[in-house]
Amino acid sequence: MHLAITDGAKRTLVTNLDTRVRYSEQKTNKESSDSWLKFKAANYLDVDGQYGEITHLTEFDDNLIYFQMNAVGRLAVNDRVAL
């Protein structure tokens, strides 16, 4: 995936994002709008690019698993919540 910023008629390639996973805001009870549809610019995680691009994301046993060309990893998804 590539991110491009458009400035009028000019188009500038910013970076290659093949190892980036974006995440939404956390959902809360009785919210007026769905936080799972809100992706802020700073809400992302870059995995180690030395193992290649991310080729697949899947859920398994309440974990988010990512596959790269030469690796497999797990992303934290609200593992623990402290009150």
Protein backbone atom coordinates (compact mmCIF):
# COMPACT_ATOMS: atom_id res chain seq x y z
CA MET A 1 0.00 0.00 0.00
CA HIS A 2 1.20 3.51 -0.71
CA LEU A 3 -0.01 6.73 0.85
CA ALA A 4 -0.25 9.72 -1.47
CA ILE A 5 -1.01 13.32 -0.58
CA THR A 6 -2.71 15.40 -3.23
CA ASP A 7 -1.80 19.09 -3.43
CA GLY A 8 -3.84 20.56 -6.23
CA ALA A 9 -2.60 19.02 -9.48
CA LYS A 10 0.59 17.64 -7.85
CA ARG A 11 0.64 14.17 -6.34
CA THR A 12 3.45 13.24 -3.96
CA LEU A 13 4.23 9.68 -2.91
CA VAL A 14 4.88 9.76 0.83
CA THR A 15 5.95 6.26 1.80
CA ASN A 16 5.48 2.54 1.42
CA LEU A 17 3.17 1.25 4.18
CA ASP A 18 3.27 -2.52 3.58
CA THR A 19 4.14 -3.17 7.24
CA ARG A 20 1.63 -0.80 8.88
CA VAL A 21 -1.55 -1.79 10.71
CA ARG A 22 -4.06 0.98 11.49
CA TYR A 23 -6.49 0.72 14.40
CA SER A 24 -9.68 2.48 15.41
CA GLU A 25 -10.64 4.27 18.58
CA GLN A 26 -11.82 2.17 21.54
CA LYS A 27 -15.56 1.53 21.71
CA THR A 28 -17.50 2.51 24.84
CA ASN A 29 -21.07 1.87 25.96
CA LYS A 30 -23.79 4.36 24.97
CA GLU A 31 -21.54 6.42 22.69
CA SER A 32 -23.27 8.78 20.25
CA SER A 33 -21.14 7.71 17.26
CA ASP A 34 -19.40 4.41 16.52
CA SER A 35 -15.73 4.67 17.60
CA TRP A 36 -14.84 1.59 15.55
CA LEU A 37 -15.32 3.79 12.46
CA LYS A 38 -12.83 6.44 13.65
CA PHE A 39 -9.20 5.97 12.58
CA LYS A 40 -6.98 8.83 13.75
CA ALA A 41 -3.79 9.60 11.81
CA ALA A 42 -1.54 8.54 14.71
CA ASN A 43 -3.38 5.26 15.41
CA TYR A 44 -1.07 2.76 13.75
CA LEU A 45 1.57 0.15 14.47
CA ASP A 46 4.50 -0.65 12.19
CA VAL A 47 5.75 -4.23 12.36
CA ASP A 48 9.37 -5.16 11.61
CA GLY A 49 9.88 -4.67 7.88
CA GLN A 50 12.90 -6.99 7.64
CA TYR A 51 10.44 -9.92 7.39
CA GLY A 52 8.59 -8.53 4.39
CA GLU A 53 5.20 -6.96 3.83
CA ILE A 54 2.05 -7.94 5.71
CA THR A 55 0.22 -10.40 3.51
CA HIS A 56 -2.74 -11.35 5.71
CA LEU A 57 -4.53 -10.41 8.96
CA THR A 58 -6.86 -12.81 10.75
CA GLU A 59 -8.54 -13.28 14.13
CA PHE A 60 -7.81 -16.44 16.11
CA ASP A 61 -8.88 -17.15 19.71
CA ASP A 62 -9.41 -13.43 20.52
CA ASN A 63 -6.03 -12.48 19.00
CA LEU A 64 -5.24 -10.57 15.83
CA ILE A 65 -2.61 -12.53 13.88
CA TYR A 66 -0.58 -11.01 11.05
CA PHE A 67 1.41 -12.85 8.42
CA GLN A 68 4.45 -11.43 6.67
CA MET A 69 6.49 -12.97 3.87
CA ASN A 70 8.94 -14.52 6.41
CA ALA A 71 7.24 -14.21 9.81
CA VAL A 72 4.02 -14.49 11.81
CA GLY A 73 3.08 -12.25 14.74
CA ARG A 74 0.31 -11.33 17.16
CA LEU A 75 -1.06 -7.84 17.72
CA ALA A 76 -2.39 -6.82 21.14
CA VAL A 77 -6.13 -6.15 21.13
CA ASN A 78 -7.12 -4.77 24.54
CA ASP A 79 -5.36 -7.64 26.33
CA ARG A 80 -6.01 -6.14 29.74
CA VAL A 81 -8.13 -3.33 31.04
CA ALA A 82 -7.42 -1.83 34.47
CA LEU A 83 -10.06 0.11 36.38
